[in-house]
Amino acid sequence: KAASILEQGGDATRQAQLAYTYCGENAMWIADE
């Protein structure tokens, strides 16, 4: 979703930050699991 907004020239800041934060938290949880 963030990449699509960026590609269309929209303001992707909020979505990019949400994705980055969410992925950072859950990727570490999955790796630990």
Full PDB file with SEQRES, HELIX, SHEET, SSBOND, CRYST1, ORIGX, SCALE, CONECT and MASTER records, all heavy atoms in Angstrom:
SEQRES   1 A   33  LYS ALA ALA SER ILE LEU GLU GLN GLY GLY ASP ALA THR          
SEQRES   2 A   33  ARG GLN ALA GLN LEU ALA TYR THR TYR CYS GLY GLU ASN          
SEQRES   3 A   33  ALA MET TRP ILE ALA ASP GLU                                  
HELIX    1 AA1 ALA A    2  GLU A    7  1                                   6    
HELIX    2 AA2 THR A   13  ASP A   32  1                                  20    
CRYST1    1.000    1.000    1.000  90.00  90.00  90.00 P 1           1          
ORIGX1      1.000000  0.000000  0.000000        0.00000                         
ORIGX2      0.000000  1.000000  0.000000        0.00000                         
ORIGX3      0.000000  0.000000  1.000000        0.00000                         
SCALE1      1.000000  0.000000  0.000000        0.00000                         
SCALE2      0.000000  1.000000  0.000000        0.00000                         
SCALE3      0.000000  0.000000  1.000000        0.00000                         
ATOM      1  N   LYS A   1       0.839  -1.201   0.000  1.00  0.00           N  
ATOM      2  CA  LYS A   1       0.000   0.000   0.000  1.00  0.00           C  
ATOM      3  C   LYS A   1       0.874   1.251   0.000  1.00  0.00           C  
ATOM      4  O   LYS A   1       0.633   2.188  -0.765  1.00  0.00           O  
ATOM      5  CB  LYS A   1      -0.927   0.009   1.216  1.00  0.00           C  
ATOM      6  CG  LYS A   1      -1.841   1.241   1.264  1.00  0.00           C  
ATOM      7  CD  LYS A   1      -2.776   1.196   2.456  1.00  0.00           C  
ATOM      8  CE  LYS A   1      -3.670   2.442   2.474  1.00  0.00           C  
ATOM      9  NZ  LYS A   1      -4.610   2.435   3.634  1.00  0.00           N  
ATOM     10  N   ALA A   2       1.899   1.270   0.839  1.00  0.00           N  
ATOM     11  CA  ALA A   2       2.798   2.424   0.895  1.00  0.00           C  
ATOM     12  C   ALA A   2       3.531   2.607  -0.428  1.00  0.00           C  
ATOM     13  O   ALA A   2       3.673   3.725  -0.930  1.00  0.00           O  
ATOM     14  CB  ALA A   2       3.797   2.249   2.039  1.00  0.00           C  
ATOM     15  N   ALA A   3       3.990   1.495  -1.007  1.00  0.00           N  
ATOM     16  CA  ALA A   3       4.706   1.568  -2.282  1.00  0.00           C  
ATOM     17  C   ALA A   3       3.793   2.073  -3.390  1.00  0.00           C  
ATOM     18  O   ALA A   3       4.214   2.856  -4.259  1.00  0.00           O  
ATOM     19  CB  ALA A   3       5.269   0.206  -2.646  1.00  0.00           C  
ATOM     20  N   SER A   4       2.539   1.647  -3.376  1.00  0.00           N  
ATOM     21  CA  SER A   4       1.580   2.076  -4.391  1.00  0.00           C  
ATOM     22  C   SER A   4       1.321   3.573  -4.304  1.00  0.00           C  
ATOM     23  O   SER A   4       1.259   4.273  -5.321  1.00  0.00           O  
ATOM     24  CB  SER A   4       0.271   1.302  -4.236  1.00  0.00           C  
ATOM     25  OG  SER A   4      -0.682   1.735  -5.171  1.00  0.00           O  
ATOM     26  N   ILE A   5       1.164   4.085  -3.091  1.00  0.00           N  
ATOM     27  CA  ILE A   5       0.953   5.524  -2.901  1.00  0.00           C  
ATOM     28  C   ILE A   5       2.157   6.303  -3.416  1.00  0.00           C  
ATOM     29  O   ILE A   5       2.024   7.317  -4.110  1.00  0.00           O  
ATOM     30  CB  ILE A   5       0.699   5.843  -1.420  1.00  0.00           C  
ATOM     31  CG1 ILE A   5      -0.618   5.210  -0.960  1.00  0.00           C  
ATOM     32  CG2 ILE A   5       0.670   7.355  -1.185  1.00  0.00           C  
ATOM     33  CD1 ILE A   5      -0.854   5.300   0.537  1.00  0.00           C  
ATOM     34  N   LEU A   6       3.357   5.815  -3.088  1.00  0.00           N  
ATOM     35  CA  LEU A   6       4.580   6.482  -3.537  1.00  0.00           C  
ATOM     36  C   LEU A   6       4.660   6.484  -5.061  1.00  0.00           C  
ATOM     37  O   LEU A   6       5.009   7.504  -5.671  1.00  0.00           O  
ATOM     38  CB  LEU A   6       5.801   5.779  -2.944  1.00  0.00           C  
ATOM     39  CG  LEU A   6       7.145   6.484  -3.128  1.00  0.00           C  
ATOM     40  CD1 LEU A   6       7.224   7.716  -2.221  1.00  0.00           C  
ATOM     41  CD2 LEU A   6       8.300   5.544  -2.808  1.00  0.00           C  
ATOM     42  N   GLU A   7       4.335   5.351  -5.672  1.00  0.00           N  
ATOM     43  CA  GLU A   7       4.415   5.239  -7.130  1.00  0.00           C  
ATOM     44  C   GLU A   7       3.434   6.171  -7.826  1.00  0.00           C  
ATOM     45  O   GLU A   7       3.726   6.704  -8.904  1.00  0.00           O  
ATOM     46  CB  GLU A   7       4.161   3.800  -7.556  1.00  0.00           C  
ATOM     47  CG  GLU A   7       4.338   3.561  -9.039  1.00  0.00           C  
ATOM     48  CD  GLU A   7       4.508   2.091  -9.383  1.00  0.00           C  
ATOM     49  OE1 GLU A   7       4.858   1.302  -8.489  1.00  0.00           O  
ATOM     50  OE2 GLU A   7       4.306   1.748 -10.553  1.00  0.00           O  
ATOM     51  N   GLN A   8       2.287   6.408  -7.202  1.00  0.00           N  
ATOM     52  CA  GLN A   8       1.282   7.284  -7.792  1.00  0.00           C  
ATOM     53  C   GLN A   8       1.553   8.762  -7.509  1.00  0.00           C  
ATOM     54  O   GLN A   8       0.781   9.618  -7.939  1.00  0.00           O  
ATOM     55  CB  GLN A   8      -0.093   6.898  -7.262  1.00  0.00           C  
ATOM     56  CG  GLN A   8      -0.546   5.505  -7.692  1.00  0.00           C  
ATOM     57  CD  GLN A   8      -1.809   5.061  -6.985  1.00  0.00           C  
ATOM     58  OE1 GLN A   8      -2.636   5.874  -6.596  1.00  0.00           O  
ATOM     59  NE2 GLN A   8      -1.952   3.758  -6.793  1.00  0.00           N  
ATOM     60  N   GLY A   9       2.651   9.042  -6.811  1.00  0.00           N  
ATOM     61  CA  GLY A   9       3.011  10.430  -6.533  1.00  0.00           C  
ATOM     62  C   GLY A   9       2.295  11.038  -5.352  1.00  0.00           C  
ATOM     63  O   GLY A   9       2.347  12.256  -5.145  1.00  0.00           O  
ATOM     64  N   GLY A  10       1.635  10.207  -4.543  1.00  0.00           N  
ATOM     65  CA  GLY A  10       0.920  10.714  -3.383  1.00  0.00           C  
ATOM     66  C   GLY A  10       1.816  10.872  -2.169  1.00  0.00           C  
ATOM     67  O   GLY A  10       3.015  10.580  -2.198  1.00  0.00           O  
ATOM     68  N   ASP A  11       1.228  11.338  -1.083  1.00  0.00           N  
ATOM     69  CA  ASP A  11       1.951  11.513   0.176  1.00  0.00           C  
ATOM     70  C   ASP A  11       1.974  10.163   0.901  1.00  0.00           C  
ATOM     71  O   ASP A  11       0.974   9.747   1.491  1.00  0.00           O  
ATOM     72  CB  ASP A  11       1.261  12.571   1.037  1.00  0.00           C  
ATOM     73  CG  ASP A  11       1.999  12.849   2.337  1.00  0.00           C  
ATOM     74  OD1 ASP A  11       3.027  12.173   2.598  1.00  0.00           O  
ATOM     75  OD2 ASP A  11       1.556  13.721   3.111  1.00  0.00           O  
ATOM     76  N   ALA A  12       3.111   9.498   0.842  1.00  0.00           N  
ATOM     77  CA  ALA A  12       3.227   8.149   1.404  1.00  0.00           C  
ATOM     78  C   ALA A  12       3.827   8.141   2.806  1.00  0.00           C  
ATOM     79  O   ALA A  12       4.058   7.062   3.363  1.00  0.00           O  
ATOM     80  CB  ALA A  12       4.080   7.278   0.484  1.00  0.00           C  
ATOM     81  N   THR A  13       4.072   9.312   3.381  1.00  0.00           N  
ATOM     82  CA  THR A  13       4.810   9.381   4.644  1.00  0.00           C  
ATOM     83  C   THR A  13       4.136   8.590   5.763  1.00  0.00           C  
ATOM     84  O   THR A  13       4.766   7.789   6.451  1.00  0.00           O  
ATOM     85  CB  THR A  13       4.991  10.840   5.077  1.00  0.00           C  
ATOM     86  OG1 THR A  13       5.743  11.528   4.076  1.00  0.00           O  
ATOM     87  CG2 THR A  13       5.729  10.924   6.407  1.00  0.00           C  
ATOM     88  N   ARG A  14       2.847   8.809   5.946  1.00  0.00           N  
ATOM     89  CA  ARG A  14       2.139   8.136   7.032  1.00  0.00           C  
ATOM     90  C   ARG A  14       2.141   6.630   6.825  1.00  0.00           C  
ATOM     91  O   ARG A  14       2.463   5.863   7.742  1.00  0.00           O  
ATOM     92  CB  ARG A  14       0.703   8.650   7.121  1.00  0.00           C  
ATOM     93  CG  ARG A  14      -0.143   7.975   8.203  1.00  0.00           C  
ATOM     94  CD  ARG A  14      -1.528   8.623   8.275  1.00  0.00           C  
ATOM     95  NE  ARG A  14      -2.361   7.983   9.272  1.00  0.00           N  
ATOM     96  CZ  ARG A  14      -3.122   6.901   9.048  1.00  0.00           C  
ATOM     97  NH1 ARG A  14      -3.115   6.346   7.835  1.00  0.00           N  
ATOM     98  NH2 ARG A  14      -3.855   6.386  10.008  1.00  0.00           N  
ATOM     99  N   GLN A  15       1.813   6.183   5.615  1.00  0.00           N  
ATOM    100  CA  GLN A  15       1.726   4.755   5.353  1.00  0.00           C  
ATOM    101  C   GLN A  15       3.096   4.095   5.416  1.00  0.00           C  
ATOM    102  O   GLN A  15       3.228   2.963   5.882  1.00  0.00           O  
ATOM    103  CB  GLN A  15       1.082   4.505   3.992  1.00  0.00           C  
ATOM    104  CG  GLN A  15       0.714   3.055   3.742  1.00  0.00           C  
ATOM    105  CD  GLN A  15      -0.303   2.506   4.734  1.00  0.00           C  
ATOM    106  OE1 GLN A  15      -1.242   3.224   5.122  1.00  0.00           O  
ATOM    107  NE2 GLN A  15      -0.126   1.267   5.157  1.00  0.00           N  
ATOM    108  N   ALA A  16       4.131   4.795   4.938  1.00  0.00           N  
ATOM    109  CA  ALA A  16       5.485   4.239   4.985  1.00  0.00           C  
ATOM    110  C   ALA A  16       5.946   4.068   6.426  1.00  0.00           C  
ATOM    111  O   ALA A  16       6.573   3.066   6.778  1.00  0.00           O  
ATOM    112  CB  ALA A  16       6.453   5.134   4.216  1.00  0.00           C  
ATOM    113  N   GLN A  17       5.639   5.048   7.268  1.00  0.00           N  
ATOM    114  CA  GLN A  17       6.023   4.950   8.680  1.00  0.00           C  
ATOM    115  C   GLN A  17       5.255   3.837   9.379  1.00  0.00           C  
ATOM    116  O   GLN A  17       5.822   3.075  10.179  1.00  0.00           O  
ATOM    117  CB  GLN A  17       5.763   6.281   9.387  1.00  0.00           C  
ATOM    118  CG  GLN A  17       6.132   6.284  10.871  1.00  0.00           C  
ATOM    119  CD  GLN A  17       7.609   6.057  11.109  1.00  0.00           C  
ATOM    120  OE1 GLN A  17       8.417   6.937  10.835  1.00  0.00           O  
ATOM    121  NE2 GLN A  17       7.990   4.882  11.621  1.00  0.00           N  
ATOM    122  N   LEU A  18       3.966   3.708   9.082  1.00  0.00           N  
ATOM    123  CA  LEU A  18       3.170   2.636   9.677  1.00  0.00           C  
ATOM    124  C   LEU A  18       3.724   1.269   9.277  1.00  0.00           C  
ATOM    125  O   LEU A  18       3.869   0.369  10.115  1.00  0.00           O  
ATOM    126  CB  LEU A  18       1.713   2.759   9.238  1.00  0.00           C  
ATOM    127  CG  LEU A  18       0.896   3.905   9.850  1.00  0.00           C  
ATOM    128  CD1 LEU A  18      -0.475   3.984   9.182  1.00  0.00           C  
ATOM    129  CD2 LEU A  18       0.750   3.745  11.350  1.00  0.00           C  
ATOM    130  N   ALA A  19       4.025   1.114   7.982  1.00  0.00           N  
ATOM    131  CA  ALA A  19       4.556  -0.165   7.503  1.00  0.00           C  
ATOM    132  C   ALA A  19       5.903  -0.465   8.157  1.00  0.00           C  
ATOM    133  O   ALA A  19       6.158  -1.600   8.594  1.00  0.00           O  
ATOM    134  CB  ALA A  19       4.694  -0.133   5.985  1.00  0.00           C  
ATOM    135  N   TYR A  20       6.776   0.526   8.222  1.00  0.00           N  
ATOM    136  CA  TYR A  20       8.116   0.347   8.785  1.00  0.00           C  
ATOM    137  C   TYR A  20       8.043  -0.037  10.265  1.00  0.00           C  
ATOM    138  O   TYR A  20       8.745  -0.940  10.725  1.00  0.00           O  
ATOM    139  CB  TYR A  20       8.910   1.631   8.594  1.00  0.00           C  
ATOM    140  CG  TYR A  20      10.316   1.602   9.129  1.00  0.00           C  
ATOM    141  CD1 TYR A  20      11.272   0.725   8.612  1.00  0.00           C  
ATOM    142  CD2 TYR A  20      10.716   2.470  10.144  1.00  0.00           C  
ATOM    143  CE1 TYR A  20      12.566   0.708   9.088  1.00  0.00           C  
ATOM    144  CE2 TYR A  20      12.016   2.465  10.630  1.00  0.00           C  
ATOM    145  CZ  TYR A  20      12.930   1.578  10.104  1.00  0.00           C  
ATOM    146  OH  TYR A  20      14.212   1.563  10.590  1.00  0.00           O  
ATOM    147  N   THR A  21       7.183   0.639  11.003  1.00  0.00           N  
ATOM    148  CA  THR A  21       7.033   0.341  12.435  1.00  0.00           C  
ATOM    149  C   THR A  21       6.427  -1.041  12.645  1.00  0.00           C  
ATOM    150  O   THR A  21       6.919  -1.839  13.455  1.00  0.00           O  
ATOM    151  CB  THR A  21       6.148   1.402  13.114  1.00  0.00           C  
ATOM    152  OG1 THR A  21       6.741   2.694  12.942  1.00  0.00           O  
ATOM    153  CG2 THR A  21       6.000   1.112  14.598  1.00  0.00           C  
ATOM    154  N   TYR A  22       5.372  -1.325  11.896  1.00  0.00           N  
ATOM    155  CA  TYR A  22       4.688  -2.621  12.044  1.00  0.00           C  
ATOM    156  C   TYR A  22       5.612  -3.771  11.652  1.00  0.00           C  
ATOM    157  O   TYR A  22       5.690  -4.789  12.359  1.00  0.00           O  
ATOM    158  CB  TYR A  22       3.438  -2.622  11.168  1.00  0.00           C  
ATOM    159  CG  TYR A  22       2.517  -3.790  11.411  1.00  0.00           C  
ATOM    160  CD1 TYR A  22       1.597  -3.767  12.458  1.00  0.00           C  
ATOM    161  CD2 TYR A  22       2.558  -4.920  10.598  1.00  0.00           C  
ATOM    162  CE1 TYR A  22       0.746  -4.838  12.685  1.00  0.00           C  
ATOM    163  CE2 TYR A  22       1.712  -5.995  10.827  1.00  0.00           C  
ATOM    164  CZ  TYR A  22       0.809  -5.955  11.868  1.00  0.00           C  
ATOM    165  OH  TYR A  22      -0.023  -7.017  12.092  1.00  0.00           O  
ATOM    166  N   CYS A  23       6.307  -3.615  10.537  1.00  0.00           N  
ATOM    167  CA  CYS A  23       7.209  -4.674  10.083  1.00  0.00           C  
ATOM    168  C   CYS A  23       8.371  -4.862  11.048  1.00  0.00           C  
ATOM    169  O   CYS A  23       8.793  -5.998  11.324  1.00  0.00           O  
ATOM    170  CB  CYS A  23       7.733  -4.361   8.681  1.00  0.00           C  
ATOM    171  SG  CYS A  23       6.494  -4.487   7.377  1.00  0.00           S  
ATOM    172  N   GLY A  24       8.908  -3.773  11.580  1.00  0.00           N  
ATOM    173  CA  GLY A  24      10.014  -3.877  12.512  1.00  0.00           C  
ATOM    174  C   GLY A  24       9.650  -4.661  13.762  1.00  0.00           C  
ATOM    175  O   GLY A  24      10.419  -5.505  14.242  1.00  0.00           O  
ATOM    176  N   GLU A  25       8.466  -4.398  14.294  1.00  0.00           N  
ATOM    177  CA  GLU A  25       8.024  -5.092  15.500  1.00  0.00           C  
ATOM    178  C   GLU A  25       7.728  -6.570  15.228  1.00  0.00           C  
ATOM    179  O   GLU A  25       8.150  -7.452  15.982  1.00  0.00           O  
ATOM    180  CB  GLU A  25       6.782  -4.402  16.066  1.00  0.00           C  
ATOM    181  CG  GLU A  25       7.054  -3.001  16.609  1.00  0.00           C  
ATOM    182  CD  GLU A  25       5.788  -2.315  17.074  1.00  0.00           C  
ATOM    183  OE1 GLU A  25       4.694  -2.891  16.866  1.00  0.00           O  
ATOM    184  OE2 GLU A  25       5.893  -1.211  17.641  1.00  0.00           O  
ATOM    185  N   ASN A  26       7.001  -6.840  14.155  1.00  0.00           N  
ATOM    186  CA  ASN A  26       6.560  -8.199  13.909  1.00  0.00           C  
ATOM    187  C   ASN A  26       7.638  -9.084  13.299  1.00  0.00           C  
ATOM    188  O   ASN A  26       7.672 -10.293  13.552  1.00  0.00           O  
ATOM    189  CB  ASN A  26       5.310  -8.184  13.027  1.00  0.00           C  
ATOM    190  CG  ASN A  26       4.088  -7.751  13.802  1.00  0.00           C  
ATOM    191  OD1 ASN A  26       3.526  -8.514  14.583  1.00  0.00           O  
ATOM    192  ND2 ASN A  26       3.679  -6.506  13.622  1.00  0.00           N  
ATOM    193  N   ALA A  27       8.531  -8.505  12.501  1.00  0.00           N  
ATOM    194  CA  ALA A  27       9.626  -9.308  11.953  1.00  0.00           C  
ATOM    195  C   ALA A  27      10.511  -9.824  13.075  1.00  0.00           C  
ATOM    196  O   ALA A  27      10.959 -10.981  13.048  1.00  0.00           O  
ATOM    197  CB  ALA A  27      10.444  -8.481  10.965  1.00  0.00           C  
ATOM    198  N   MET A  28      10.748  -8.989  14.075  1.00  0.00           N  
ATOM    199  CA  MET A  28      11.585  -9.426  15.194  1.00  0.00           C  
ATOM    200  C   MET A  28      10.861 -10.483  16.019  1.00  0.00           C  
ATOM    201  O   MET A  28      11.467 -11.456  16.479  1.00  0.00           O  
ATOM    202  CB  MET A  28      11.938  -8.213  16.061  1.00  0.00           C  
ATOM    203  CG  MET A  28      13.149  -8.423  16.943  1.00  0.00           C  
ATOM    204  SD  MET A  28      14.642  -8.770  16.011  1.00  0.00           S  
ATOM    205  CE  MET A  28      15.060 -10.402  16.609  1.00  0.00           C  
ATOM    206  N   TRP A  29       9.550 -10.318  16.178  1.00  0.00           N  
ATOM    207  CA  TRP A  29       8.776 -11.328  16.908  1.00  0.00           C  
ATOM    208  C   TRP A  29       8.797 -12.663  16.168  1.00  0.00           C  
ATOM    209  O   TRP A  29       8.982 -13.721  16.777  1.00  0.00           O  
ATOM    210  CB  TRP A  29       7.334 -10.850  17.080  1.00  0.00           C  
ATOM    211  CG  TRP A  29       6.455 -11.904  17.704  1.00  0.00           C  
ATOM    212  CD1 TRP A  29       6.387 -12.238  19.025  1.00  0.00           C  
ATOM    213  CD2 TRP A  29       5.559 -12.784  17.012  1.00  0.00           C  
ATOM    214  NE1 TRP A  29       5.491 -13.275  19.205  1.00  0.00           N  
ATOM    215  CE2 TRP A  29       4.968 -13.631  17.998  1.00  0.00           C  
ATOM    216  CE3 TRP A  29       5.195 -12.941  15.686  1.00  0.00           C  
ATOM    217  CZ2 TRP A  29       4.038 -14.609  17.664  1.00  0.00           C  
ATOM    218  CZ3 TRP A  29       4.258 -13.924  15.356  1.00  0.00           C  
ATOM    219  CH2 TRP A  29       3.692 -14.746  16.340  1.00  0.00           C  
ATOM    220  N   ILE A  30       8.614 -12.633  14.857  1.00  0.00           N  
ATOM    221  CA  ILE A  30       8.610 -13.868  14.064  1.00  0.00           C  
ATOM    222  C   ILE A  30       9.974 -14.540  14.106  1.00  0.00           C  
ATOM    223  O   ILE A  30      10.076 -15.768  14.234  1.00  0.00           O  
ATOM    224  CB  ILE A  30       8.183 -13.562  12.609  1.00  0.00           C  
ATOM    225  CG1 ILE A  30       6.703 -13.198  12.569  1.00  0.00           C  
ATOM    226  CG2 ILE A  30       8.465 -14.752  11.696  1.00  0.00           C  
ATOM    227  CD1 ILE A  30       6.229 -12.673  11.234  1.00  0.00           C  
ATOM    228  N   ALA A  31      11.047 -13.763  14.002  1.00  0.00           N  
ATOM    229  CA  ALA A  31      12.393 -14.338  14.067  1.00  0.00           C  
ATOM    230  C   ALA A  31      12.643 -14.992  15.419  1.00  0.00           C  
ATOM    231  O   ALA A  31      13.218 -16.086  15.498  1.00  0.00           O  
ATOM    232  CB  ALA A  31      13.436 -13.254  13.801  1.00  0.00           C  
ATOM    233  N   ASP A  32      12.192 -14.348  16.473  1.00  0.00           N  
ATOM    234  CA  ASP A  32      12.366 -14.911  17.817  1.00  0.00           C  
ATOM    235  C   ASP A  32      11.543 -16.185  17.980  1.00  0.00           C  
ATOM    236  O   ASP A  32      12.015 -17.178  18.545  1.00  0.00           O  
ATOM    237  CB  ASP A  32      11.958 -13.872  18.864  1.00  0.00           C  
ATOM    238  CG  ASP A  32      12.205 -14.357  20.280  1.00  0.00           C  
ATOM    239  OD1 ASP A  32      13.372 -14.578  20.638  1.00  0.00           O  
ATOM    240  OD2 ASP A  32      11.221 -14.531  21.031  1.00  0.00           O  
ATOM    241  N   GLU A  33      10.317 -16.165  17.467  1.00  0.00           N  
ATOM    242  CA  GLU A  33       9.480 -17.358  17.521  1.00  0.00           C  
ATOM    243  C   GLU A  33      10.132 -18.512  16.765  1.00  0.00           C  
ATOM    244  O   GLU A  33      10.082 -19.671  17.191  1.00  0.00           O  
ATOM    245  CB  GLU A  33       8.099 -17.061  16.927  1.00  0.00           C  
ATOM    246  CG  GLU A  33       7.208 -16.241  17.819  1.00  0.00           C  
ATOM    247  CD  GLU A  33       6.780 -17.005  19.063  1.00  0.00           C  
ATOM    248  OE1 GLU A  33       6.046 -18.000  18.935  1.00  0.00           O  
ATOM    249  OE2 GLU A  33       7.188 -16.601  20.167  1.00  0.00           O  
TER     250      GLU A  33                                                      
MASTER        0    0    0    2    0    0    0    6  249    1    0    3          
END                                                                             
